[in-house]
PDB file of N, CA and C in Angstrom:
ATOM      1  N   MET A   1      28.055  45.510  13.456  1.00  0.00           N
ATOM      2  CA  MET A   1      28.282  44.984  14.785  1.00  0.00           C
ATOM      3  C   MET A   1      29.586  44.188  14.789  1.00  0.00           C
ATOM      4  N   ASN A   2      30.326  44.308  15.865  1.00  0.00           N
ATOM      5  CA  ASN A   2      31.588  43.589  16.006  1.00  0.00           C
ATOM      6  C   ASN A   2      31.429  42.460  17.013  1.00  0.00           C
ATOM      7  N   TYR A   3      31.554  41.239  16.523  1.00  0.00           N
ATOM      8  CA  TYR A   3      31.470  40.070  17.386  1.00  0.00           C
ATOM      9  C   TYR A   3      32.857  39.477  17.546  1.00  0.00           C
ATOM     10  N   ILE A   4      33.113  38.901  18.714  1.00  0.00           N
ATOM     11  CA  ILE A   4      34.399  38.264  18.979  1.00  0.00           C
ATOM     12  C   ILE A   4      34.153  36.895  19.617  1.00  0.00           C
ATOM     13  N   THR A   5      35.174  36.062  19.545  1.00  0.00           N
ATOM     14  CA  THR A   5      35.143  34.730  20.141  1.00  0.00           C
ATOM     15  C   THR A   5      36.051  34.732  21.362  1.00  0.00           C
ATOM     16  N   ILE A   6      35.532  34.300  22.491  1.00  0.00           N
ATOM     17  CA  ILE A   6      36.347  34.174  23.704  1.00  0.00           C
ATOM     18  C   ILE A   6      36.754  32.711  23.835  1.00  0.00           C
ATOM     19  N   VAL A   7      38.059  32.482  23.904  1.00  0.00           N
ATOM     20  CA  VAL A   7      38.606  31.126  23.987  1.00  0.00           C
ATOM     21  C   VAL A   7      39.525  31.004  25.201  1.00  0.00           C
ATOM     22  N   ALA A   8      40.130  29.841  25.356  1.00  0.00           N
ATOM     23  CA  ALA A   8      41.058  29.543  26.457  1.00  0.00           C
ATOM     24  C   ALA A   8      40.365  29.624  27.811  1.00  0.00           C
ATOM     25  N   THR A   9      39.058  29.460  27.815  1.00  0.00           N
ATOM     26  CA  THR A   9      38.313  29.509  29.082  1.00  0.00           C
ATOM     27  C   THR A   9      38.721  28.365  30.000  1.00  0.00           C
ATOM     28  N   HIS A  10      39.152  27.241  29.423  1.00  0.00           N
ATOM     29  CA  HIS A  10      39.573  26.077  30.212  1.00  0.00           C
ATOM     30  C   HIS A  10      40.819  26.371  31.053  1.00  0.00           C
ATOM     31  N   GLN A  11      41.578  27.381  30.687  1.00  0.00           N
ATOM     32  CA  GLN A  11      42.763  27.760  31.461  1.00  0.00           C
ATOM     33  C   GLN A  11      42.389  28.533  32.723  1.00  0.00           C
ATOM     34  N   PHE A  12      41.127  28.922  32.815  1.00  0.00           N
ATOM     35  CA  PHE A  12      40.658  29.699  33.956  1.00  0.00           C
ATOM     36  C   PHE A  12      39.555  28.928  34.684  1.00  0.00           C
ATOM     37  N   PHE A  13      38.292  29.262  34.456  1.00  0.00           N
ATOM     38  CA  PHE A  13      37.182  28.647  35.184  1.00  0.00           C
ATOM     39  C   PHE A  13      36.212  27.894  34.282  1.00  0.00           C
ATOM     40  N   GLY A  14      36.546  27.731  33.008  1.00  0.00           N
ATOM     41  CA  GLY A  14      35.623  27.099  32.072  1.00  0.00           C
ATOM     42  C   GLY A  14      34.525  28.069  31.669  1.00  0.00           C
ATOM     43  N   THR A  15      33.502  27.559  31.014  1.00  0.00           N
ATOM     44  CA  THR A  15      32.418  28.429  30.542  1.00  0.00           C
ATOM     45  C   THR A  15      31.288  28.577  31.551  1.00  0.00           C
ATOM     46  N   ASP A  16      31.345  27.848  32.657  1.00  0.00           N
ATOM     47  CA  ASP A  16      30.266  27.908  33.650  1.00  0.00           C
ATOM     48  C   ASP A  16      30.095  29.287  34.280  1.00  0.00           C
ATOM     49  N   ILE A  17      31.138  30.106  34.278  1.00  0.00           N
ATOM     50  CA  ILE A  17      31.024  31.428  34.912  1.00  0.00           C
ATOM     51  C   ILE A  17      30.386  32.469  33.997  1.00  0.00           C
ATOM     52  N   PHE A  18      30.210  32.129  32.716  1.00  0.00           N
ATOM     53  CA  PHE A  18      29.626  33.072  31.756  1.00  0.00           C
ATOM     54  C   PHE A  18      28.111  32.959  31.736  1.00  0.00           C
ATOM     55  N   LYS A  19      27.449  34.091  31.553  1.00  0.00           N
ATOM     56  CA  LYS A  19      25.992  34.148  31.425  1.00  0.00           C
ATOM     57  C   LYS A  19      25.654  35.049  30.242  1.00  0.00           C
ATOM     58  N   VAL A  20      24.628  34.680  29.481  1.00  0.00           N
ATOM     59  CA  VAL A  20      24.173  35.524  28.375  1.00  0.00           C
ATOM     60  C   VAL A  20      23.768  36.882  28.941  1.00  0.00           C
ATOM     61  N   GLY A  21      24.235  37.957  28.318  1.00  0.00           N
ATOM     62  CA  GLY A  21      23.958  39.311  28.781  1.00  0.00           C
ATOM     63  C   GLY A  21      25.028  39.875  29.703  1.00  0.00           C
ATOM     64  N   GLN A  22      25.924  39.033  30.166  1.00  0.00           N
ATOM     65  CA  GLN A  22      26.995  39.450  31.072  1.00  0.00           C
ATOM     66  C   GLN A  22      27.929  40.440  30.377  1.00  0.00           C
ATOM     67  N   ILE A  23      28.336  41.469  31.114  1.00  0.00           N
ATOM     68  CA  ILE A  23      29.287  42.457  30.597  1.00  0.00           C
ATOM     69  C   ILE A  23      30.692  42.062  31.050  1.00  0.00           C
ATOM     70  N   LEU A  24      31.602  41.999  30.098  1.00  0.00           N
ATOM     71  CA  LEU A  24      32.995  41.663  30.355  1.00  0.00           C
ATOM     72  C   LEU A  24      33.873  42.779  29.805  1.00  0.00           C
ATOM     73  N   THR A  25      35.158  42.719  30.115  1.00  0.00           N
ATOM     74  CA  THR A  25      36.103  43.717  29.621  1.00  0.00           C
ATOM     75  C   THR A  25      37.284  43.026  28.961  1.00  0.00           C
ATOM     76  N   GLY A  26      37.676  43.527  27.808  1.00  0.00           N
ATOM     77  CA  GLY A  26      38.890  43.072  27.146  1.00  0.00           C
ATOM     78  C   GLY A  26      40.021  44.011  27.520  1.00  0.00           C
ATOM     79  N   VAL A  27      41.159  43.443  27.898  1.00  0.00           N
ATOM     80  CA  VAL A  27      42.309  44.229  28.343  1.00  0.00           C
ATOM     81  C   VAL A  27      43.519  43.846  27.489  1.00  0.00           C
ATOM     82  N   LYS A  28      44.110  44.827  26.829  1.00  0.00           N
ATOM     83  CA  LYS A  28      45.301  44.550  26.025  1.00  0.00           C
ATOM     84  C   LYS A  28      46.404  44.000  26.921  1.00  0.00           C
ATOM     85  N   GLU A  29      47.142  43.037  26.391  1.00  0.00           N
ATOM     86  CA  GLU A  29      48.222  42.401  27.139  1.00  0.00           C
ATOM     87  C   GLU A  29      49.497  42.432  26.288  1.00  0.00           C
ATOM     88  N   PRO A  30      50.079  43.642  26.089  1.00  0.00           N
ATOM     89  CA  PRO A  30      51.223  43.790  25.178  1.00  0.00           C
ATOM     90  C   PRO A  30      52.465  43.013  25.609  1.00  0.00           C
ATOM     91  N   GLU A  31      52.561  42.645  26.876  1.00  0.00           N
ATOM     92  CA  GLU A  31      53.722  41.905  27.365  1.00  0.00           C
ATOM     93  C   GLU A  31      53.599  40.402  27.120  1.00  0.00           C
ATOM     94  N   ASN A  32      52.502  39.959  26.515  1.00  0.00           N
ATOM     95  CA  ASN A  32      52.279  38.543  26.236  1.00  0.00           C
ATOM     96  C   ASN A  32      53.310  38.055  25.213  1.00  0.00           C
ATOM     97  N   SER A  33      54.135  37.097  25.599  1.00  0.00           N
ATOM     98  CA  SER A  33      55.210  36.620  24.716  1.00  0.00           C
ATOM     99  C   SER A  33      54.693  35.707  23.604  1.00  0.00           C
ATOM    100  N   TYR A  34      53.488  35.187  23.741  1.00  0.00           N
ATOM    101  CA  TYR A  34      52.913  34.294  22.736  1.00  0.00           C
ATOM    102  C   TYR A  34      52.233  35.070  21.612  1.00  0.00           C
ATOM    103  N   ASP A  35      51.590  36.200  21.965  1.00  0.00           N
ATOM    104  CA  ASP A  35      50.809  36.960  20.983  1.00  0.00           C
ATOM    105  C   ASP A  35      50.896  38.448  21.310  1.00  0.00           C
ATOM    106  N   SER A  36      51.521  39.223  20.442  1.00  0.00           N
ATOM    107  CA  SER A  36      51.695  40.662  20.688  1.00  0.00           C
ATOM    108  C   SER A  36      50.383  41.434  20.604  1.00  0.00           C
ATOM    109  N   GLU A  37      49.325  40.799  20.075  1.00  0.00           N
ATOM    110  CA  GLU A  37      48.008  41.432  20.014  1.00  0.00           C
ATOM    111  C   GLU A  37      47.020  40.747  20.964  1.00  0.00           C
ATOM    112  N   ALA A  38      47.531  40.126  22.005  1.00  0.00           N
ATOM    113  CA  ALA A  38      46.677  39.399  22.951  1.00  0.00           C
ATOM    114  C   ALA A  38      45.748  40.355  23.690  1.00  0.00           C
ATOM    115  N   ILE A  39      44.495  39.929  23.819  1.00  0.00           N
ATOM    116  CA  ILE A  39      43.506  40.679  24.592  1.00  0.00           C
ATOM    117  C   ILE A  39      42.897  39.714  25.599  1.00  0.00           C
ATOM    118  N   LYS A  40      43.226  39.927  26.862  1.00  0.00           N
ATOM    119  CA  LYS A  40      42.702  39.102  27.948  1.00  0.00           C
ATOM    120  C   LYS A  40      41.283  39.553  28.260  1.00  0.00           C
ATOM    121  N   VAL A  41      40.411  38.621  28.602  1.00  0.00           N
ATOM    122  CA  VAL A  41      39.036  38.941  28.975  1.00  0.00           C
ATOM    123  C   VAL A  41      38.907  38.778  30.482  1.00  0.00           C
ATOM    124  N   VAL A  42      38.335  39.802  31.132  1.00  0.00           N
ATOM    125  CA  VAL A  42      38.152  39.769  32.583  1.00  0.00           C
ATOM    126  C   VAL A  42      36.694  40.057  32.930  1.00  0.00           C
ATOM    127  N   THR A  43      36.291  39.588  34.108  1.00  0.00           N
ATOM    128  CA  THR A  43      34.936  39.837  34.602  1.00  0.00           C
ATOM    129  C   THR A  43      34.850  41.257  35.151  1.00  0.00           C
ATOM    130  N   GLU A  44      33.654  41.639  35.596  1.00  0.00           N
ATOM    131  CA  GLU A  44      33.480  42.970  36.205  1.00  0.00           C
ATOM    132  C   GLU A  44      34.331  43.125  37.459  1.00  0.00           C
ATOM    133  N   SER A  45      34.702  41.994  38.095  1.00  0.00           N
ATOM    134  CA  SER A  45      35.565  42.017  39.281  1.00  0.00           C
ATOM    135  C   SER A  45      37.038  41.956  38.903  1.00  0.00           C
ATOM    136  N   ASP A  46      37.339  42.080  37.607  1.00  0.00           N
ATOM    137  CA  ASP A  46      38.703  42.061  37.076  1.00  0.00           C
ATOM    138  C   ASP A  46      39.377  40.691  37.196  1.00  0.00           C
ATOM    139  N   VAL A  47      38.577  39.628  37.224  1.00  0.00           N
ATOM    140  CA  VAL A  47      39.102  38.263  37.288  1.00  0.00           C
ATOM    141  C   VAL A  47      39.270  37.737  35.855  1.00  0.00           C
ATOM    142  N   PRO A  48      40.475  37.282  35.474  1.00  0.00           N
ATOM    143  CA  PRO A  48      40.687  36.759  34.122  1.00  0.00           C
ATOM    144  C   PRO A  48      39.821  35.525  33.859  1.00  0.00           C
ATOM    145  N   CYS A  49      39.246  35.446  32.642  1.00  0.00           N
ATOM    146  CA  CYS A  49      38.377  34.306  32.329  1.00  0.00           C
ATOM    147  C   CYS A  49      38.561  33.787  30.908  1.00  0.00           C
ATOM    148  N   GLY A  50      39.471  34.363  30.126  1.00  0.00           N
ATOM    149  CA  GLY A  50      39.711  33.888  28.765  1.00  0.00           C
ATOM    150  C   GLY A  50      40.482  34.912  27.951  1.00  0.00           C
ATOM    151  N   TYR A  51      40.558  34.651  26.640  1.00  0.00           N
ATOM    152  CA  TYR A  51      41.221  35.550  25.693  1.00  0.00           C
ATOM    153  C   TYR A  51      40.357  35.698  24.454  1.00  0.00           C
ATOM    154  N   ILE A  52      40.459  36.833  23.793  1.00  0.00           N
ATOM    155  CA  ILE A  52      39.796  36.993  22.504  1.00  0.00           C
ATOM    156  C   ILE A  52      40.620  36.220  21.473  1.00  0.00           C
ATOM    157  N   ALA A  53      39.948  35.348  20.736  1.00  0.00           N
ATOM    158  CA  ALA A  53      40.623  34.496  19.749  1.00  0.00           C
ATOM    159  C   ALA A  53      41.362  35.339  18.717  1.00  0.00           C
ATOM    160  N   ASN A  54      42.561  34.847  18.332  1.00  0.00           N
ATOM    161  CA  ASN A  54      43.367  35.582  17.358  1.00  0.00           C
ATOM    162  C   ASN A  54      44.014  34.639  16.343  1.00  0.00           C
ATOM    163  N   SER A  55      43.389  33.498  16.122  1.00  0.00           N
ATOM    164  CA  SER A  55      43.913  32.512  15.177  1.00  0.00           C
ATOM    165  C   SER A  55      42.798  32.070  14.243  1.00  0.00           C
ATOM    166  N   VAL A  56      43.142  31.789  12.999  1.00  0.00           N
ATOM    167  CA  VAL A  56      42.133  31.302  12.053  1.00  0.00           C
ATOM    168  C   VAL A  56      41.518  29.989  12.534  1.00  0.00           C
ATOM    169  N   HIS A  57      42.206  29.290  13.414  1.00  0.00           N
ATOM    170  CA  HIS A  57      41.710  28.019  13.942  1.00  0.00           C
ATOM    171  C   HIS A  57      40.740  28.195  15.104  1.00  0.00           C
ATOM    172  N   THR A  58      40.726  29.383  15.724  1.00  0.00           N
ATOM    173  CA  THR A  58      39.889  29.577  16.914  1.00  0.00           C
ATOM    174  C   THR A  58      38.826  30.661  16.773  1.00  0.00           C
ATOM    175  N   VAL A  59      38.964  31.555  15.808  1.00  0.00           N
ATOM    176  CA  VAL A  59      37.969  32.616  15.611  1.00  0.00           C
ATOM    177  C   VAL A  59      36.736  32.010  14.947  1.00  0.00           C
ATOM    178  N   ALA A  60      35.584  32.128  15.604  1.00  0.00           N
ATOM    179  CA  ALA A  60      34.340  31.588  15.044  1.00  0.00           C
ATOM    180  C   ALA A  60      33.939  32.376  13.797  1.00  0.00           C
ATOM    181  N   LYS A  61      33.303  31.692  12.867  1.00  0.00           N
ATOM    182  CA  LYS A  61      32.861  32.327  11.623  1.00  0.00           C
ATOM    183  C   LYS A  61      31.960  33.519  11.946  1.00  0.00           C
ATOM    184  N   GLY A  62      32.231  34.652  11.298  1.00  0.00           N
ATOM    185  CA  GLY A  62      31.447  35.861  11.522  1.00  0.00           C
ATOM    186  C   GLY A  62      31.975  36.744  12.638  1.00  0.00           C
ATOM    187  N   CYS A  63      33.043  36.295  13.292  1.00  0.00           N
ATOM    188  CA  CYS A  63      33.634  37.075  14.391  1.00  0.00           C
ATOM    189  C   CYS A  63      34.945  37.712  13.942  1.00  0.00           C
ATOM    190  N   HIS A  64      35.324  38.776  14.641  1.00  0.00           N
ATOM    191  CA  HIS A  64      36.607  39.429  14.397  1.00  0.00           C
ATOM    192  C   HIS A  64      37.669  38.811  15.304  1.00  0.00           C
ATOM    193  N   SER A  65      38.900  38.844  14.854  1.00  0.00           N
ATOM    194  CA  SER A  65      40.030  38.379  15.663  1.00  0.00           C
ATOM    195  C   SER A  65      40.489  39.501  16.590  1.00  0.00           C
ATOM    196  N   ALA A  66      41.312  39.139  17.563  1.00  0.00           N
ATOM    197  CA  ALA A  66      41.892  40.147  18.457  1.00  0.00           C
ATOM    198  C   ALA A  66      42.711  41.148  17.647  1.00  0.00           C
ATOM    199  N   GLY A  67      43.459  40.663  16.663  1.00  0.00           N
ATOM    200  CA  GLY A  67      44.267  41.548  15.824  1.00  0.00           C
ATOM    201  C   GLY A  67      43.435  42.557  15.057  1.00  0.00           C
ATOM    202  N   ARG A  68      42.256  42.139  14.657  1.00  0.00           N
ATOM    203  CA  ARG A  68      41.365  43.019  13.882  1.00  0.00           C
ATOM    204  C   ARG A  68      40.843  44.184  14.726  1.00  0.00           C
ATOM    205  N   ILE A  69      40.580  43.952  16.009  1.00  0.00           N
ATOM    206  CA  ILE A  69      40.017  45.016  16.860  1.00  0.00           C
ATOM    207  C   ILE A  69      41.065  45.706  17.727  1.00  0.00           C
ATOM    208  N   TYR A  70      42.292  45.178  17.758  1.00  0.00           N
ATOM    209  CA  TYR A  70      43.330  45.651  18.684  1.00  0.00           C
ATOM    210  C   TYR A  70      43.539  47.162  18.643  1.00  0.00           C
ATOM    211  N   ASP A  71      43.574  47.756  17.472  1.00  0.00           N
ATOM    212  CA  ASP A  71      43.842  49.192  17.346  1.00  0.00           C
ATOM    213  C   ASP A  71      42.594  50.058  17.451  1.00  0.00           C
ATOM    214  N   SER A  72      41.446  49.456  17.722  1.00  0.00           N
ATOM    215  CA  SER A  72      40.194  50.222  17.778  1.00  0.00           C
ATOM    216  C   SER A  72      39.882  50.775  19.168  1.00  0.00           C
ATOM    217  N   PHE A  73      40.747  50.492  20.157  1.00  0.00           N
ATOM    218  CA  PHE A  73      40.532  51.010  21.511  1.00  0.00           C
ATOM    219  C   PHE A  73      41.880  51.194  22.200  1.00  0.00           C
ATOM    220  N   GLU A  74      41.881  52.000  23.273  1.00  0.00           N
ATOM    221  CA  GLU A  74      43.126  52.287  23.999  1.00  0.00           C
ATOM    222  C   GLU A  74      43.665  51.047  24.711  1.00  0.00           C
ATOM    223  N   ASN A  75      43.152  50.775  25.913  1.00  0.00           N
ATOM    224  CA  ASN A  75      43.633  49.651  26.712  1.00  0.00           C
ATOM    225  C   ASN A  75      42.545  48.654  27.087  1.00  0.00           C
ATOM    226  N   ARG A  76      41.307  49.159  27.229  1.00  0.00           N
ATOM    227  CA  ARG A  76      40.202  48.308  27.675  1.00  0.00           C
ATOM    228  C   ARG A  76      38.989  48.524  26.778  1.00  0.00           C
ATOM    229  N   VAL A  77      38.206  47.460  26.594  1.00  0.00           N
ATOM    230  CA  VAL A  77      36.989  47.546  25.794  1.00  0.00           C
ATOM    231  C   VAL A  77      35.914  46.663  26.440  1.00  0.00           C
ATOM    232  N   LYS A  78      34.697  47.162  26.482  1.00  0.00           N
ATOM    233  CA  LYS A  78      33.570  46.412  27.058  1.00  0.00           C
ATOM    234  C   LYS A  78      32.956  45.505  26.005  1.00  0.00           C
ATOM    235  N   MET A  79      32.407  44.398  26.463  1.00  0.00           N
ATOM    236  CA  MET A  79      31.719  43.458  25.578  1.00  0.00           C
ATOM    237  C   MET A  79      30.575  42.794  26.333  1.00  0.00           C
ATOM    238  N   LYS A  80      29.601  42.295  25.571  1.00  0.00           N
ATOM    239  CA  LYS A  80      28.435  41.638  26.164  1.00  0.00           C
ATOM    240  C   LYS A  80      28.322  40.225  25.610  1.00  0.00           C
ATOM    241  N   VAL A  81      28.175  39.250  26.503  1.00  0.00           N
ATOM    242  CA  VAL A  81      28.052  37.847  26.107  1.00  0.00           C
ATOM    243  C   VAL A  81      26.725  37.631  25.386  1.00  0.00           C
ATOM    244  N   LEU A  82      26.788  37.028  24.190  1.00  0.00           N
ATOM    245  CA  LEU A  82      25.590  36.734  23.402  1.00  0.00           C
ATOM    246  C   LEU A  82      25.258  35.246  23.389  1.00  0.00           C
ATOM    247  N   PHE A  83      26.278  34.396  23.227  1.00  0.00           N
ATOM    248  CA  PHE A  83      26.082  32.949  23.118  1.00  0.00           C
ATOM    249  C   PHE A  83      27.177  32.207  23.861  1.00  0.00           C
ATOM    250  N   ILE A  84      26.834  31.037  24.357  1.00  0.00           N
ATOM    251  CA  ILE A  84      27.818  30.145  24.963  1.00  0.00           C
ATOM    252  C   ILE A  84      27.587  28.775  24.330  1.00  0.00           C
ATOM    253  N   VAL A  85      28.581  28.283  23.595  1.00  0.00           N
ATOM    254  CA  VAL A  85      28.460  26.997  22.912  1.00  0.00           C
ATOM    255  C   VAL A  85      29.686  26.153  23.245  1.00  0.00           C
ATOM    256  N   LYS A  86      29.474  25.049  23.929  1.00  0.00           N
ATOM    257  CA  LYS A  86      30.560  24.162  24.362  1.00  0.00           C
ATOM    258  C   LYS A  86      31.599  24.963  25.146  1.00  0.00           C
ATOM    259  N   ASN A  87      32.833  25.044  24.624  1.00  0.00           N
ATOM    260  CA  ASN A  87      33.891  25.757  25.350  1.00  0.00           C
ATOM    261  C   ASN A  87      34.211  27.113  24.731  1.00  0.00           C
ATOM    262  N   VAL A  88      33.247  27.670  23.967  1.00  0.00           N
ATOM    263  CA  VAL A  88      33.456  28.947  23.282  1.00  0.00           C
ATOM    264  C   VAL A  88      32.351  29.924  23.667  1.00  0.00           C
ATOM    265  N   VAL A  89      32.739  31.173  23.829  1.00  0.00           N
ATOM    266  CA  VAL A  89      31.787  32.235  24.160  1.00  0.00           C
ATOM    267  C   VAL A  89      31.842  33.268  23.039  1.00  0.00           C
ATOM    268  N   ILE A  90      30.678  33.677  22.549  1.00  0.00           N
ATOM    269  CA  ILE A  90      30.593  34.721  21.525  1.00  0.00           C
ATOM    270  C   ILE A  90      30.060  35.975  22.205  1.00  0.00           C
ATOM    271  N   ALA A  91      30.748  37.094  21.988  1.00  0.00           N
ATOM    272  CA  ALA A  91      30.348  38.353  22.613  1.00  0.00           C
ATOM    273  C   ALA A  91      30.344  39.466  21.570  1.00  0.00           C
ATOM    274  N   GLU A  92      29.623  40.527  21.897  1.00  0.00           N
ATOM    275  CA  GLU A  92      29.559  41.708  21.036  1.00  0.00           C
ATOM    276  C   GLU A  92      30.358  42.829  21.682  1.00  0.00           C
ATOM    277  N   ILE A  93      31.215  43.481  20.897  1.00  0.00           N
ATOM    278  CA  ILE A  93      31.961  44.637  21.389  1.00  0.00           C
ATOM    279  C   ILE A  93      30.980  45.793  21.540  1.00  0.00           C
ATOM    280  N   LEU A  94      31.019  46.452  22.686  1.00  0.00           N
ATOM    281  CA  LEU A  94      30.100  47.573  22.947  1.00  0.00           C
ATOM    282  C   LEU A  94      30.764  48.909  22.651  1.00  0.00           C
TER     283      LEU A  94
END
C-alpha cells in the first residue's frame, strides 16, 4: 500500500475540509518553481487543499514522498483520506 502525507493545508482551508474516507486527487505541478516534483492535492470539485509532502522534514513515517510516487502516474492520481492528525492528513494512493 502506498501512503502519502498531505501538508501545507494552512495555505488553503486548513484540515477542517478533510473527512476520513474522502476521495482527493493529486495533480502534478511541473511549473512549480519551489519543487519540480510538486503534487498539488485538490478536492473532487478541483479546489486546491494542500500538497503531497516531499521533504524528510514533512513526510510522515511510513509514507512515500511526492518524489517517490511522481513517476508512477501520468498527471493525476486518486487518493483516499485515512487519518487527520493536527495539521497533517494521511491518505492512501488508489
